[in-house]
Amino acid sequence: MNVVDTPGTNVILQRQQRLTEEFVPRADMILFVISADRPLTESE
């Protein structure tokens, strides 16, 4: 098993956003970690 920490969403640099968007479809499983004290944004 490999664990990959991608930059996520809503990042400042567009290349980081693209990296995440390109990786997600290739993953067998996604663990989405969020803060419990703030709601999700529309893009999340």
N, C-alpha and C. Protein backbone atom coordinates (compact mmCIF):
# COMPACT_ATOMS: atom_id res chain seq x y z
N MET A 1 0.85 -1.17 0.00
CA MET A 1 0.00 0.00 0.00
C MET A 1 0.90 1.23 0.00
N ASN A 2 0.55 2.20 -0.82
CA ASN A 2 1.23 3.49 -0.88
C ASN A 2 0.28 4.58 -0.42
N VAL A 3 0.78 5.51 0.36
CA VAL A 3 -0.01 6.66 0.79
C VAL A 3 0.61 7.89 0.14
N VAL A 4 -0.21 8.66 -0.57
CA VAL A 4 0.27 9.85 -1.27
C VAL A 4 -0.48 11.06 -0.73
N ASP A 5 0.27 12.04 -0.27
CA ASP A 5 -0.33 13.28 0.23
C ASP A 5 -0.29 14.31 -0.90
N THR A 6 -1.43 14.53 -1.54
CA THR A 6 -1.50 15.50 -2.63
C THR A 6 -1.74 16.90 -2.06
N PRO A 7 -1.49 17.94 -2.86
CA PRO A 7 -1.70 19.30 -2.37
C PRO A 7 -3.13 19.61 -1.97
N GLY A 8 -4.09 18.90 -2.53
CA GLY A 8 -5.48 19.14 -2.17
C GLY A 8 -6.18 20.07 -3.14
N THR A 9 -7.22 20.72 -2.66
CA THR A 9 -7.99 21.65 -3.49
C THR A 9 -7.87 23.03 -2.89
N ASN A 10 -8.30 24.02 -3.65
CA ASN A 10 -8.25 25.43 -3.21
C ASN A 10 -6.84 25.87 -2.87
N VAL A 11 -5.87 25.46 -3.67
CA VAL A 11 -4.48 25.84 -3.46
C VAL A 11 -4.17 27.11 -4.26
N ILE A 12 -3.10 27.76 -3.92
CA ILE A 12 -2.72 29.01 -4.58
C ILE A 12 -2.16 28.76 -5.98
N LEU A 13 -1.30 27.75 -6.11
CA LEU A 13 -0.66 27.47 -7.39
C LEU A 13 -1.51 26.50 -8.21
N GLN A 14 -1.85 26.87 -9.43
CA GLN A 14 -2.69 26.04 -10.28
C GLN A 14 -2.06 24.68 -10.57
N ARG A 15 -0.74 24.60 -10.65
CA ARG A 15 -0.10 23.31 -10.94
C ARG A 15 -0.34 22.32 -9.81
N GLN A 16 -0.49 22.82 -8.57
CA GLN A 16 -0.81 21.93 -7.45
C GLN A 16 -2.23 21.39 -7.59
N GLN A 17 -3.15 22.22 -7.99
CA GLN A 17 -4.54 21.80 -8.21
C GLN A 17 -4.58 20.74 -9.31
N ARG A 18 -3.86 20.97 -10.42
CA ARG A 18 -3.83 20.01 -11.53
C ARG A 18 -3.24 18.68 -11.09
N LEU A 19 -2.19 18.72 -10.27
CA LEU A 19 -1.58 17.49 -9.77
C LEU A 19 -2.60 16.64 -9.03
N THR A 20 -3.37 17.27 -8.16
CA THR A 20 -4.40 16.56 -7.41
C THR A 20 -5.48 16.02 -8.35
N GLU A 21 -5.95 16.84 -9.28
CA GLU A 21 -7.00 16.42 -10.21
C GLU A 21 -6.54 15.28 -11.11
N GLU A 22 -5.26 15.22 -11.45
CA GLU A 22 -4.74 14.14 -12.29
C GLU A 22 -4.53 12.85 -11.49
N PHE A 23 -4.22 12.98 -10.22
CA PHE A 23 -3.94 11.80 -9.40
C PHE A 23 -5.21 11.08 -8.96
N VAL A 24 -6.23 11.82 -8.59
CA VAL A 24 -7.45 11.24 -8.02
C VAL A 24 -8.06 10.13 -8.89
N PRO A 25 -8.22 10.30 -10.20
CA PRO A 25 -8.82 9.21 -11.00
C PRO A 25 -7.97 7.94 -11.03
N ARG A 26 -6.70 8.03 -10.75
CA ARG A 26 -5.81 6.86 -10.79
C ARG A 26 -5.76 6.13 -9.45
N ALA A 27 -6.31 6.72 -8.41
CA ALA A 27 -6.25 6.13 -7.08
C ALA A 27 -7.30 5.04 -6.91
N ASP A 28 -6.95 3.99 -6.17
CA ASP A 28 -7.90 2.94 -5.84
C ASP A 28 -8.77 3.32 -4.65
N MET A 29 -8.25 4.21 -3.81
CA MET A 29 -8.99 4.66 -2.63
C MET A 29 -8.54 6.08 -2.30
N ILE A 30 -9.47 6.88 -1.82
CA ILE A 30 -9.18 8.26 -1.43
C ILE A 30 -9.57 8.44 0.03
N LEU A 31 -8.68 9.00 0.81
CA LEU A 31 -8.98 9.37 2.20
C LEU A 31 -9.01 10.89 2.22
N PHE A 32 -10.19 11.44 2.38
CA PHE A 32 -10.39 12.89 2.32
C PHE A 32 -10.45 13.40 3.75
N VAL A 33 -9.44 14.16 4.17
CA VAL A 33 -9.35 14.66 5.54
C VAL A 33 -9.77 16.12 5.57
N ILE A 34 -10.72 16.43 6.43
CA ILE A 34 -11.22 17.80 6.53
C ILE A 34 -11.24 18.24 7.99
N SER A 35 -11.39 19.52 8.18
CA SER A 35 -11.51 20.07 9.53
C SER A 35 -12.95 19.92 10.01
N ALA A 36 -13.12 19.51 11.24
CA ALA A 36 -14.46 19.31 11.80
C ALA A 36 -15.12 20.64 12.19
N ASP A 37 -14.33 21.70 12.28
CA ASP A 37 -14.90 22.96 12.75
C ASP A 37 -15.24 23.96 11.64
N ARG A 38 -15.15 23.54 10.37
CA ARG A 38 -15.58 24.43 9.29
C ARG A 38 -16.25 23.60 8.19
N PRO A 39 -17.26 24.15 7.57
CA PRO A 39 -17.98 23.39 6.53
C PRO A 39 -17.14 23.24 5.26
N LEU A 40 -17.52 22.27 4.43
CA LEU A 40 -16.86 22.08 3.14
C LEU A 40 -17.21 23.24 2.21
N THR A 41 -16.27 23.58 1.35
CA THR A 41 -16.56 24.58 0.31
C THR A 41 -17.15 23.86 -0.89
N GLU A 42 -17.68 24.60 -1.83
CA GLU A 42 -18.30 24.00 -3.01
C GLU A 42 -17.29 23.17 -3.81
N SER A 43 -16.04 23.63 -3.89
CA SER A 43 -15.04 22.90 -4.67
C SER A 43 -14.54 21.64 -3.97
N GLU A 44 -14.70 21.56 -2.66
CA GLU A 44 -14.27 20.37 -1.93
C GLU A 44 -15.28 19.26 -2.10
